[in-house]
PDB file of N, CA and C in Angstrom:
ATOM      1  N   MET A   1     -68.320 158.892 256.664  1.00  0.00           N
ATOM      2  CA  MET A   1     -67.485 159.791 257.444  1.00  0.00           C
ATOM      3  C   MET A   1     -66.036 159.615 256.990  1.00  0.00           C
ATOM      4  N   SER A   2     -65.400 160.696 256.636  1.00  0.00           N
ATOM      5  CA  SER A   2     -64.013 160.600 256.194  1.00  0.00           C
ATOM      6  C   SER A   2     -63.068 160.643 257.381  1.00  0.00           C
ATOM      7  N   LYS A   3     -61.911 160.097 257.172  1.00  0.00           N
ATOM      8  CA  LYS A   3     -60.890 160.109 258.216  1.00  0.00           C
ATOM      9  C   LYS A   3     -60.141 161.438 258.158  1.00  0.00           C
ATOM     10  N   ALA A   4     -59.936 162.034 259.298  1.00  0.00           N
ATOM     11  CA  ALA A   4     -59.135 163.258 259.379  1.00  0.00           C
ATOM     12  C   ALA A   4     -57.982 162.992 260.324  1.00  0.00           C
ATOM     13  N   ARG A   5     -56.806 163.368 259.933  1.00  0.00           N
ATOM     14  CA  ARG A   5     -55.627 163.140 260.750  1.00  0.00           C
ATOM     15  C   ARG A   5     -54.946 164.467 261.035  1.00  0.00           C
ATOM     16  N   PHE A   6     -54.182 164.470 262.085  1.00  0.00           N
ATOM     17  CA  PHE A   6     -53.526 165.692 262.517  1.00  0.00           C
ATOM     18  C   PHE A   6     -52.181 165.335 263.110  1.00  0.00           C
ATOM     19  N   GLY A   7     -51.378 166.311 263.329  1.00  0.00           N
ATOM     20  CA  GLY A   7     -50.114 166.074 264.003  1.00  0.00           C
ATOM     21  C   GLY A   7     -49.017 166.959 263.476  1.00  0.00           C
ATOM     22  N   PRO A   8     -47.989 167.118 264.256  1.00  0.00           N
ATOM     23  CA  PRO A   8     -46.876 167.956 263.841  1.00  0.00           C
ATOM     24  C   PRO A   8     -45.959 167.266 262.831  1.00  0.00           C
ATOM     25  N   VAL A   9     -46.095 165.956 262.678  1.00  0.00           N
ATOM     26  CA  VAL A   9     -45.243 165.210 261.758  1.00  0.00           C
ATOM     27  C   VAL A   9     -46.134 164.365 260.856  1.00  0.00           C
ATOM     28  N   LEU A  10     -46.020 164.582 259.553  1.00  0.00           N
ATOM     29  CA  LEU A  10     -46.749 163.782 258.579  1.00  0.00           C
ATOM     30  C   LEU A  10     -45.722 163.021 257.749  1.00  0.00           C
ATOM     31  N   VAL A  11     -45.935 161.726 257.587  1.00  0.00           N
ATOM     32  CA  VAL A  11     -44.991 160.894 256.843  1.00  0.00           C
ATOM     33  C   VAL A  11     -45.712 160.319 255.634  1.00  0.00           C
ATOM     34  N   THR A  12     -45.096 160.464 254.471  1.00  0.00           N
ATOM     35  CA  THR A  12     -45.671 159.948 253.239  1.00  0.00           C
ATOM     36  C   THR A  12     -44.536 159.679 252.254  1.00  0.00           C
ATOM     37  N   ASN A  13     -44.886 159.112 251.119  1.00  0.00           N
ATOM     38  CA  ASN A  13     -43.870 158.952 250.078  1.00  0.00           C
ATOM     39  C   ASN A  13     -44.058 160.039 249.018  1.00  0.00           C
ATOM     40  N   LYS A  14     -43.047 160.241 248.229  1.00  0.00           N
ATOM     41  CA  LYS A  14     -43.034 161.328 247.249  1.00  0.00           C
ATOM     42  C   LYS A  14     -44.151 161.180 246.217  1.00  0.00           C
ATOM     43  N   GLN A  15     -44.392 159.956 245.767  1.00  0.00           N
ATOM     44  CA  GLN A  15     -45.405 159.704 244.744  1.00  0.00           C
ATOM     45  C   GLN A  15     -46.797 160.105 245.241  1.00  0.00           C
ATOM     46  N   ASP A  16     -47.169 159.676 246.448  1.00  0.00           N
ATOM     47  CA  ASP A  16     -48.483 160.016 246.994  1.00  0.00           C
ATOM     48  C   ASP A  16     -48.595 161.508 247.295  1.00  0.00           C
ATOM     49  N   TYR A  17     -47.512 162.098 247.761  1.00  0.00           N
ATOM     50  CA  TYR A  17     -47.505 163.534 248.065  1.00  0.00           C
ATOM     51  C   TYR A  17     -47.768 164.348 246.798  1.00  0.00           C
ATOM     52  N   LYS A  18     -47.119 163.954 245.697  1.00  0.00           N
ATOM     53  CA  LYS A  18     -47.333 164.653 244.428  1.00  0.00           C
ATOM     54  C   LYS A  18     -48.739 164.396 243.888  1.00  0.00           C
ATOM     55  N   LEU A  19     -49.213 163.162 243.990  1.00  0.00           N
ATOM     56  CA  LEU A  19     -50.547 162.807 243.506  1.00  0.00           C
ATOM     57  C   LEU A  19     -51.630 163.629 244.196  1.00  0.00           C
ATOM     58  N   THR A  20     -51.489 163.838 245.475  1.00  0.00           N
ATOM     59  CA  THR A  20     -52.502 164.561 246.254  1.00  0.00           C
ATOM     60  C   THR A  20     -52.269 166.068 246.275  1.00  0.00           C
ATOM     61  N   GLN A  21     -51.177 166.520 245.722  1.00  0.00           N
ATOM     62  CA  GLN A  21     -50.754 167.918 245.717  1.00  0.00           C
ATOM     63  C   GLN A  21     -50.372 168.411 247.109  1.00  0.00           C
ATOM     64  N   GLY A  22     -50.126 167.486 248.011  1.00  0.00           N
ATOM     65  CA  GLY A  22     -49.591 167.791 249.333  1.00  0.00           C
ATOM     66  C   GLY A  22     -50.060 169.075 249.973  1.00  0.00           C
ATOM     67  N   HIS A  23     -49.112 169.936 250.303  1.00  0.00           N
ATOM     68  CA  HIS A  23     -49.433 171.175 251.011  1.00  0.00           C
ATOM     69  C   HIS A  23     -50.146 172.205 250.134  1.00  0.00           C
ATOM     70  N   LEU A  24     -50.161 172.024 248.819  1.00  0.00           N
ATOM     71  CA  LEU A  24     -50.943 172.929 247.975  1.00  0.00           C
ATOM     72  C   LEU A  24     -52.423 172.830 248.324  1.00  0.00           C
ATOM     73  N   LYS A  25     -52.882 171.631 248.651  1.00  0.00           N
ATOM     74  CA  LYS A  25     -54.280 171.445 249.064  1.00  0.00           C
ATOM     75  C   LYS A  25     -54.564 172.114 250.403  1.00  0.00           C
ATOM     76  N   ALA A  26     -53.526 172.335 251.183  1.00  0.00           N
ATOM     77  CA  ALA A  26     -53.698 172.905 252.523  1.00  0.00           C
ATOM     78  C   ALA A  26     -53.315 174.380 252.584  1.00  0.00           C
ATOM     79  N   LYS A  27     -52.996 174.948 251.453  1.00  0.00           N
ATOM     80  CA  LYS A  27     -52.448 176.303 251.393  1.00  0.00           C
ATOM     81  C   LYS A  27     -53.272 177.332 252.170  1.00  0.00           C
ATOM     82  N   ASN A  28     -54.568 177.320 252.030  1.00  0.00           N
ATOM     83  CA  ASN A  28     -55.424 178.321 252.671  1.00  0.00           C
ATOM     84  C   ASN A  28     -56.239 177.751 253.828  1.00  0.00           C
ATOM     85  N   GLN A  29     -55.806 176.626 254.361  1.00  0.00           N
ATOM     86  CA  GLN A  29     -56.540 175.975 255.442  1.00  0.00           C
ATOM     87  C   GLN A  29     -55.914 176.297 256.793  1.00  0.00           C
ATOM     88  N   ILE A  30     -56.734 176.311 257.831  1.00  0.00           N
ATOM     89  CA  ILE A  30     -56.237 176.598 259.172  1.00  0.00           C
ATOM     90  C   ILE A  30     -55.458 175.411 259.720  1.00  0.00           C
ATOM     91  N   ILE A  31     -55.981 174.210 259.531  1.00  0.00           N
ATOM     92  CA  ILE A  31     -55.316 173.001 260.025  1.00  0.00           C
ATOM     93  C   ILE A  31     -54.860 172.181 258.820  1.00  0.00           C
ATOM     94  N   GLU A  32     -53.576 172.235 258.542  1.00  0.00           N
ATOM     95  CA  GLU A  32     -53.019 171.611 257.352  1.00  0.00           C
ATOM     96  C   GLU A  32     -53.239 170.107 257.318  1.00  0.00           C
ATOM     97  N   GLY A  33     -53.071 169.447 258.463  1.00  0.00           N
ATOM     98  CA  GLY A  33     -53.210 167.994 258.508  1.00  0.00           C
ATOM     99  C   GLY A  33     -54.583 167.512 258.082  1.00  0.00           C
ATOM    100  N   PHE A  34     -55.634 168.262 258.433  1.00  0.00           N
ATOM    101  CA  PHE A  34     -56.992 167.888 258.028  1.00  0.00           C
ATOM    102  C   PHE A  34     -57.126 167.962 256.510  1.00  0.00           C
ATOM    103  N   ALA A  35     -56.618 169.035 255.916  1.00  0.00           N
ATOM    104  CA  ALA A  35     -56.729 169.211 254.469  1.00  0.00           C
ATOM    105  C   ALA A  35     -55.914 168.168 253.710  1.00  0.00           C
ATOM    106  N   ILE A  36     -54.731 167.875 254.201  1.00  0.00           N
ATOM    107  CA  ILE A  36     -53.884 166.880 253.535  1.00  0.00           C
ATOM    108  C   ILE A  36     -54.505 165.491 253.634  1.00  0.00           C
ATOM    109  N   SER A  37     -55.028 165.131 254.805  1.00  0.00           N
ATOM    110  CA  SER A  37     -55.649 163.806 254.935  1.00  0.00           C
ATOM    111  C   SER A  37     -56.904 163.709 254.074  1.00  0.00           C
ATOM    112  N   LYS A  38     -57.635 164.805 253.918  1.00  0.00           N
ATOM    113  CA  LYS A  38     -58.811 164.808 253.038  1.00  0.00           C
ATOM    114  C   LYS A  38     -58.386 164.559 251.592  1.00  0.00           C
ATOM    115  N   ALA A  39     -57.281 165.177 251.172  1.00  0.00           N
ATOM    116  CA  ALA A  39     -56.771 164.964 249.815  1.00  0.00           C
ATOM    117  C   ALA A  39     -56.376 163.503 249.606  1.00  0.00           C
ATOM    118  N   TYR A  40     -55.784 162.883 250.620  1.00  0.00           N
ATOM    119  CA  TYR A  40     -55.429 161.461 250.532  1.00  0.00           C
ATOM    120  C   TYR A  40     -56.686 160.603 250.441  1.00  0.00           C
ATOM    121  N   ASN A  41     -57.707 160.924 251.243  1.00  0.00           N
ATOM    122  CA  ASN A  41     -58.968 160.181 251.189  1.00  0.00           C
ATOM    123  C   ASN A  41     -59.607 160.289 249.809  1.00  0.00           C
ATOM    124  N   GLN A  42     -59.564 161.475 249.211  1.00  0.00           N
ATOM    125  CA  GLN A  42     -60.157 161.683 247.891  1.00  0.00           C
ATOM    126  C   GLN A  42     -59.462 160.860 246.817  1.00  0.00           C
ATOM    127  N   GLN A  43     -58.193 160.560 247.015  1.00  0.00           N
ATOM    128  CA  GLN A  43     -57.445 159.731 246.066  1.00  0.00           C
ATOM    129  C   GLN A  43     -57.519 158.246 246.421  1.00  0.00           C
ATOM    130  N   GLY A  44     -58.233 157.914 247.497  1.00  0.00           N
ATOM    131  CA  GLY A  44     -58.349 156.518 247.916  1.00  0.00           C
ATOM    132  C   GLY A  44     -57.099 155.977 248.589  1.00  0.00           C
ATOM    133  N   LEU A  45     -56.254 156.866 249.065  1.00  0.00           N
ATOM    134  CA  LEU A  45     -55.017 156.449 249.731  1.00  0.00           C
ATOM    135  C   LEU A  45     -55.260 156.259 251.226  1.00  0.00           C
ATOM    136  N   PRO A  46     -54.592 155.285 251.824  1.00  0.00           N
ATOM    137  CA  PRO A  46     -54.792 155.044 253.257  1.00  0.00           C
ATOM    138  C   PRO A  46     -54.212 156.175 254.110  1.00  0.00           C
ATOM    139  N   VAL A  47     -54.905 156.466 255.190  1.00  0.00           N
ATOM    140  CA  VAL A  47     -54.473 157.483 256.149  1.00  0.00           C
ATOM    141  C   VAL A  47     -54.565 156.863 257.529  1.00  0.00           C
ATOM    142  N   SER A  48     -53.506 156.962 258.303  1.00  0.00           N
ATOM    143  CA  SER A  48     -53.544 156.408 259.657  1.00  0.00           C
ATOM    144  C   SER A  48     -52.785 157.326 260.603  1.00  0.00           C
ATOM    145  N   LEU A  49     -53.065 157.161 261.870  1.00  0.00           N
ATOM    146  CA  LEU A  49     -52.456 157.976 262.911  1.00  0.00           C
ATOM    147  C   LEU A  49     -51.640 157.069 263.812  1.00  0.00           C
ATOM    148  N   HIS A  50     -50.398 157.437 264.059  1.00  0.00           N
ATOM    149  CA  HIS A  50     -49.516 156.638 264.901  1.00  0.00           C
ATOM    150  C   HIS A  50     -48.839 157.526 265.930  1.00  0.00           C
ATOM    151  N   GLU A  51     -48.607 156.972 267.085  1.00  0.00           N
ATOM    152  CA  GLU A  51     -47.861 157.688 268.112  1.00  0.00           C
ATOM    153  C   GLU A  51     -46.382 157.568 267.784  1.00  0.00           C
ATOM    154  N   GLY A  52     -45.664 158.663 267.843  1.00  0.00           N
ATOM    155  CA  GLY A  52     -44.250 158.655 267.489  1.00  0.00           C
ATOM    156  C   GLY A  52     -43.313 158.652 268.678  1.00  0.00           C
ATOM    157  N   GLN A  53     -43.837 158.286 269.830  1.00  0.00           N
ATOM    158  CA  GLN A  53     -43.017 158.310 271.048  1.00  0.00           C
ATOM    159  C   GLN A  53     -41.788 157.425 270.886  1.00  0.00           C
ATOM    160  N   GLY A  54     -40.634 157.993 271.176  1.00  0.00           N
ATOM    161  CA  GLY A  54     -39.386 157.256 271.050  1.00  0.00           C
ATOM    162  C   GLY A  54     -38.797 157.290 269.655  1.00  0.00           C
ATOM    163  N   VAL A  55     -39.567 157.807 268.691  1.00  0.00           N
ATOM    164  CA  VAL A  55     -39.103 157.882 267.311  1.00  0.00           C
ATOM    165  C   VAL A  55     -38.902 159.336 266.888  1.00  0.00           C
ATOM    166  N   VAL A  56     -39.866 160.182 267.238  1.00  0.00           N
ATOM    167  CA  VAL A  56     -39.845 161.589 266.862  1.00  0.00           C
ATOM    168  C   VAL A  56     -40.002 162.432 268.118  1.00  0.00           C
ATOM    169  N   ASN A  57     -39.145 163.416 268.274  1.00  0.00           N
ATOM    170  CA  ASN A  57     -39.249 164.342 269.399  1.00  0.00           C
ATOM    171  C   ASN A  57     -39.373 165.764 268.867  1.00  0.00           C
ATOM    172  N   PHE A  58     -40.212 166.559 269.498  1.00  0.00           N
ATOM    173  CA  PHE A  58     -40.403 167.943 269.088  1.00  0.00           C
ATOM    174  C   PHE A  58     -40.985 168.719 270.260  1.00  0.00           C
ATOM    175  N   ARG A  59     -40.944 170.017 270.134  1.00  0.00           N
ATOM    176  CA  ARG A  59     -41.571 170.873 271.139  1.00  0.00           C
ATOM    177  C   ARG A  59     -42.546 171.793 270.426  1.00  0.00           C
ATOM    178  N   MET A  60     -43.808 171.628 270.732  1.00  0.00           N
ATOM    179  CA  MET A  60     -44.818 172.497 270.147  1.00  0.00           C
ATOM    180  C   MET A  60     -45.013 173.710 271.040  1.00  0.00           C
ATOM    181  N   TYR A  61     -45.396 174.801 270.432  1.00  0.00           N
ATOM    182  CA  TYR A  61     -45.732 176.032 271.152  1.00  0.00           C
ATOM    183  C   TYR A  61     -44.571 176.529 272.009  1.00  0.00           C
ATOM    184  N   SER A  62     -43.401 176.573 271.435  1.00  0.00           N
ATOM    185  CA  SER A  62     -42.233 177.055 272.169  1.00  0.00           C
ATOM    186  C   SER A  62     -42.311 178.556 272.453  1.00  0.00           C
ATOM    187  N   GLN A  63     -43.267 179.242 271.821  1.00  0.00           N
ATOM    188  CA  GLN A  63     -43.424 180.679 272.050  1.00  0.00           C
ATOM    189  C   GLN A  63     -44.185 180.980 273.339  1.00  0.00           C
ATOM    190  N   GLY A  64     -44.702 179.964 274.011  1.00  0.00           N
ATOM    191  CA  GLY A  64     -45.356 180.188 275.296  1.00  0.00           C
ATOM    192  C   GLY A  64     -46.846 179.906 275.296  1.00  0.00           C
ATOM    193  N   TYR A  65     -47.495 180.331 276.385  1.00  0.00           N
ATOM    194  CA  TYR A  65     -48.902 180.019 276.608  1.00  0.00           C
ATOM    195  C   TYR A  65     -49.836 180.673 275.599  1.00  0.00           C
ATOM    196  N   LYS A  66     -49.495 181.851 275.117  1.00  0.00           N
ATOM    197  CA  LYS A  66     -50.347 182.512 274.124  1.00  0.00           C
ATOM    198  C   LYS A  66     -50.435 181.665 272.855  1.00  0.00           C
ATOM    199  N   ALA A  67     -49.305 181.160 272.393  1.00  0.00           N
ATOM    200  CA  ALA A  67     -49.284 180.305 271.205  1.00  0.00           C
ATOM    201  C   ALA A  67     -50.040 179.004 271.458  1.00  0.00           C
ATOM    202  N   LEU A  68     -49.904 178.456 272.659  1.00  0.00           N
ATOM    203  CA  LEU A  68     -50.637 177.242 273.024  1.00  0.00           C
ATOM    204  C   LEU A  68     -52.137 177.482 272.963  1.00  0.00           C
ATOM    205  N   LEU A  69     -52.595 178.577 273.531  1.00  0.00           N
ATOM    206  CA  LEU A  69     -54.018 178.903 273.535  1.00  0.00           C
ATOM    207  C   LEU A  69     -54.539 179.105 272.120  1.00  0.00           C
ATOM    208  N   GLU A  70     -53.786 179.797 271.286  1.00  0.00           N
ATOM    209  CA  GLU A  70     -54.194 180.010 269.897  1.00  0.00           C
ATOM    210  C   GLU A  70     -54.275 178.691 269.131  1.00  0.00           C
ATOM    211  N   GLY A  71     -53.276 177.839 269.302  1.00  0.00           N
ATOM    212  CA  GLY A  71     -53.266 176.551 268.611  1.00  0.00           C
ATOM    213  C   GLY A  71     -54.409 175.653 269.040  1.00  0.00           C
ATOM    214  N   TRP A  72     -54.609 175.547 270.345  1.00  0.00           N
ATOM    215  CA  TRP A  72     -55.697 174.716 270.854  1.00  0.00           C
ATOM    216  C   TRP A  72     -57.051 175.272 270.439  1.00  0.00           C
ATOM    217  N   SER A  73     -57.193 176.587 270.447  1.00  0.00           N
ATOM    218  CA  SER A  73     -58.472 177.212 270.103  1.00  0.00           C
ATOM    219  C   SER A  73     -58.871 176.904 268.669  1.00  0.00           C
ATOM    220  N   LYS A  74     -57.941 177.047 267.728  1.00  0.00           N
ATOM    221  CA  LYS A  74     -58.300 176.799 266.330  1.00  0.00           C
ATOM    222  C   LYS A  74     -58.618 175.324 266.095  1.00  0.00           C
ATOM    223  N   HIS A  75     -57.866 174.427 266.708  1.00  0.00           N
ATOM    224  CA  HIS A  75     -58.144 173.004 266.540  1.00  0.00           C
ATOM    225  C   HIS A  75     -59.462 172.617 267.212  1.00  0.00           C
ATOM    226  N   PHE A  76     -59.706 173.141 268.389  1.00  0.00           N
ATOM    227  CA  PHE A  76     -60.939 172.807 269.110  1.00  0.00           C
ATOM    228  C   PHE A  76     -62.154 173.343 268.359  1.00  0.00           C
ATOM    229  N   ALA A  77     -62.059 174.564 267.836  1.00  0.00           N
ATOM    230  CA  ALA A  77     -63.181 175.162 267.112  1.00  0.00           C
ATOM    231  C   ALA A  77     -63.519 174.364 265.854  1.00  0.00           C
ATOM    232  N   LEU A  78     -62.513 174.016 265.072  1.00  0.00           N
ATOM    233  CA  LEU A  78     -62.770 173.254 263.851  1.00  0.00           C
ATOM    234  C   LEU A  78     -63.170 171.816 264.157  1.00  0.00           C
ATOM    235  N   GLY A  79     -62.522 171.212 265.128  1.00  0.00           N
ATOM    236  CA  GLY A  79     -62.857 169.838 265.492  1.00  0.00           C
ATOM    237  C   GLY A  79     -64.262 169.706 266.037  1.00  0.00           C
ATOM    238  N   SER A  80     -64.733 170.720 266.742  1.00  0.00           N
ATOM    239  CA  SER A  80     -66.073 170.660 267.333  1.00  0.00           C
ATOM    240  C   SER A  80     -67.164 170.655 266.273  1.00  0.00           C
ATOM    241  N   GLN A  81     -66.854 171.144 265.088  1.00  0.00           N
ATOM    242  CA  GLN A  81     -67.839 171.167 264.010  1.00  0.00           C
ATOM    243  C   GLN A  81     -68.121 169.779 263.442  1.00  0.00           C
ATOM    244  N   VAL A  82     -67.193 168.851 263.611  1.00  0.00           N
ATOM    245  CA  VAL A  82     -67.365 167.513 263.037  1.00  0.00           C
ATOM    246  C   VAL A  82     -67.396 166.418 264.104  1.00  0.00           C
ATOM    247  N   THR A  83     -67.568 166.808 265.358  1.00  0.00           N
ATOM    248  CA  THR A  83     -67.579 165.853 266.461  1.00  0.00           C
ATOM    249  C   THR A  83     -68.995 165.692 266.993  1.00  0.00           C
ATOM    250  N   LYS A  84     -69.361 164.443 267.318  1.00  0.00           N
ATOM    251  CA  LYS A  84     -70.683 164.203 267.899  1.00  0.00           C
ATOM    252  C   LYS A  84     -70.831 165.011 269.183  1.00  0.00           C
ATOM    253  N   LYS A  85     -72.045 165.500 269.433  1.00  0.00           N
ATOM    254  CA  LYS A  85     -72.306 166.333 270.613  1.00  0.00           C
ATOM    255  C   LYS A  85     -71.967 165.604 271.910  1.00  0.00           C
ATOM    256  N   SER A  86     -72.271 164.316 271.992  1.00  0.00           N
ATOM    257  CA  SER A  86     -71.984 163.569 273.223  1.00  0.00           C
ATOM    258  C   SER A  86     -70.475 163.489 273.473  1.00  0.00           C
ATOM    259  N   THR A  87     -69.709 163.263 272.426  1.00  0.00           N
ATOM    260  CA  THR A  87     -68.253 163.210 272.561  1.00  0.00           C
ATOM    261  C   THR A  87     -67.698 164.579 272.930  1.00  0.00           C
ATOM    262  N   LEU A  88     -68.213 165.609 272.282  1.00  0.00           N
ATOM    263  CA  LEU A  88     -67.764 166.972 272.562  1.00  0.00           C
ATOM    264  C   LEU A  88     -68.066 167.363 274.010  1.00  0.00           C
ATOM    265  N   THR A  89     -69.235 166.985 274.503  1.00  0.00           N
ATOM    266  CA  THR A  89     -69.597 167.270 275.896  1.00  0.00           C
ATOM    267  C   THR A  89     -68.632 166.577 276.846  1.00  0.00           C
ATOM    268  N   PHE A  90     -68.330 165.314 276.584  1.00  0.00           N
ATOM    269  CA  PHE A  90     -67.391 164.574 277.418  1.00  0.00           C
ATOM    270  C   PHE A  90     -66.019 165.246 277.423  1.00  0.00           C
ATOM    271  N   VAL A  91     -65.515 165.634 276.258  1.00  0.00           N
ATOM    272  CA  VAL A  91     -64.201 166.284 276.159  1.00  0.00           C
ATOM    273  C   VAL A  91     -64.202 167.605 276.919  1.00  0.00           C
ATOM    274  N   PHE A  92     -65.256 168.397 276.752  1.00  0.00           N
ATOM    275  CA  PHE A  92     -65.344 169.675 277.454  1.00  0.00           C
ATOM    276  C   PHE A  92     -65.325 169.467 278.965  1.00  0.00           C
ATOM    277  N   LEU A  93     -66.123 168.516 279.456  1.00  0.00           N
ATOM    278  CA  LEU A  93     -66.162 168.250 280.895  1.00  0.00           C
ATOM    279  C   LEU A  93     -64.816 167.739 281.402  1.00  0.00           C
ATOM    280  N   TRP A  94     -64.167 166.887 280.631  1.00  0.00           N
ATOM    281  CA  TRP A  94     -62.848 166.376 281.031  1.00  0.00           C
ATOM    282  C   TRP A  94     -61.832 167.511 281.112  1.00  0.00           C
ATOM    283  N   LEU A  95     -61.814 168.391 280.092  1.00  0.00           N
ATOM    284  CA  LEU A  95     -60.885 169.520 280.111  1.00  0.00           C
ATOM    285  C   LEU A  95     -61.162 170.448 281.289  1.00  0.00           C
ATOM    286  N   PHE A  96     -62.445 170.696 281.567  1.00  0.00           N
ATOM    287  CA  PHE A  96     -62.810 171.542 282.705  1.00  0.00           C
ATOM    288  C   PHE A  96     -62.327 170.908 284.002  1.00  0.00           C
ATOM    289  N   TRP A  97     -62.586 169.615 284.177  1.00  0.00           N
ATOM    290  CA  TRP A  97     -62.174 168.901 285.394  1.00  0.00           C
ATOM    291  C   TRP A  97     -60.653 168.945 285.546  1.00  0.00           C
ATOM    292  N   PHE A  98     -59.945 168.667 284.451  1.00  0.00           N
ATOM    293  CA  PHE A  98     -58.483 168.659 284.477  1.00  0.00           C
ATOM    294  C   PHE A  98     -57.940 170.041 284.838  1.00  0.00           C
ATOM    295  N   THR A  99     -58.475 171.074 284.201  1.00  0.00           N
ATOM    296  CA  THR A  99     -58.022 172.444 284.465  1.00  0.00           C
ATOM    297  C   THR A  99     -58.337 172.850 285.895  1.00  0.00           C
ATOM    298  N   TYR A 100     -59.549 172.578 286.344  1.00  0.00           N
ATOM    299  CA  TYR A 100     -59.954 172.940 287.702  1.00  0.00           C
ATOM    300  C   TYR A 100     -59.055 172.260 288.732  1.00  0.00           C
ATOM    301  N   ASN A 101     -58.819 170.971 288.554  1.00  0.00           N
ATOM    302  CA  ASN A 101     -57.980 170.239 289.507  1.00  0.00           C
ATOM    303  C   ASN A 101     -56.530 170.713 289.481  1.00  0.00           C
ATOM    304  N   SER A 102     -56.042 171.094 288.321  1.00  0.00           N
ATOM    305  CA  SER A 102     -54.673 171.608 288.237  1.00  0.00           C
ATOM    306  C   SER A 102     -54.530 172.908 289.006  1.00  0.00           C
ATOM    307  N   PHE A 103     -55.497 173.801 288.824  1.00  0.00           N
ATOM    308  CA  PHE A 103     -55.434 175.087 289.514  1.00  0.00           C
ATOM    309  C   PHE A 103     -55.760 174.956 290.993  1.00  0.00           C
ATOM    310  N   SER A 104     -56.724 174.117 291.330  1.00  0.00           N
ATOM    311  CA  SER A 104     -57.108 174.003 292.741  1.00  0.00           C
ATOM    312  C   SER A 104     -55.984 173.386 293.567  1.00  0.00           C
ATOM    313  N   ASP A 105     -55.241 172.456 293.016  1.00  0.00           N
ATOM    314  CA  ASP A 105     -54.113 171.858 293.740  1.00  0.00           C
ATOM    315  C   ASP A 105     -53.011 172.879 293.989  1.00  0.00           C
ATOM    316  N   ASN A 106     -52.795 173.751 293.020  1.00  0.00           N
ATOM    317  CA  ASN A 106     -51.696 174.712 293.119  1.00  0.00           C
ATOM    318  C   ASN A 106     -52.059 175.993 293.855  1.00  0.00           C
ATOM    319  N   PHE A 107     -53.308 176.427 293.747  1.00  0.00           N
ATOM    320  CA  PHE A 107     -53.653 177.743 294.258  1.00  0.00           C
ATOM    321  C   PHE A 107     -54.561 177.741 295.480  1.00  0.00           C
ATOM    322  N   PHE A 108     -55.309 176.671 295.681  1.00  0.00           N
ATOM    323  CA  PHE A 108     -56.295 176.695 296.746  1.00  0.00           C
ATOM    324  C   PHE A 108     -55.927 175.853 297.954  1.00  0.00           C
ATOM    325  N   ASN A 109     -54.802 175.179 297.921  1.00  0.00           N
ATOM    326  CA  ASN A 109     -54.384 174.346 299.062  1.00  0.00           C
ATOM    327  C   ASN A 109     -53.133 174.881 299.707  1.00  0.00           C
TER     328      ASN A 109
END
């Protein structure tokens, strides 16, 4: 199983970026981070995921809820293809529970 990484911020050095062809490998891909991490794996380069809290700040989906839904939909659709069914079921149930509780607290009480 190969490692796939994602995120709004990717950090690498120039040599590895050129070796893997960086964003050229992701040119026609829906999720760039997956394609770039695959290129790093193919070259035997390490790939890791780190939380950037306190180091990097950004705002995703500043265009509103439509952009959020589109972004989540494409990631969820592609991610579900490579995720174990048991894990996917758990994530789906958690998202449903979270969404239901968010709306029920605001609209039904």
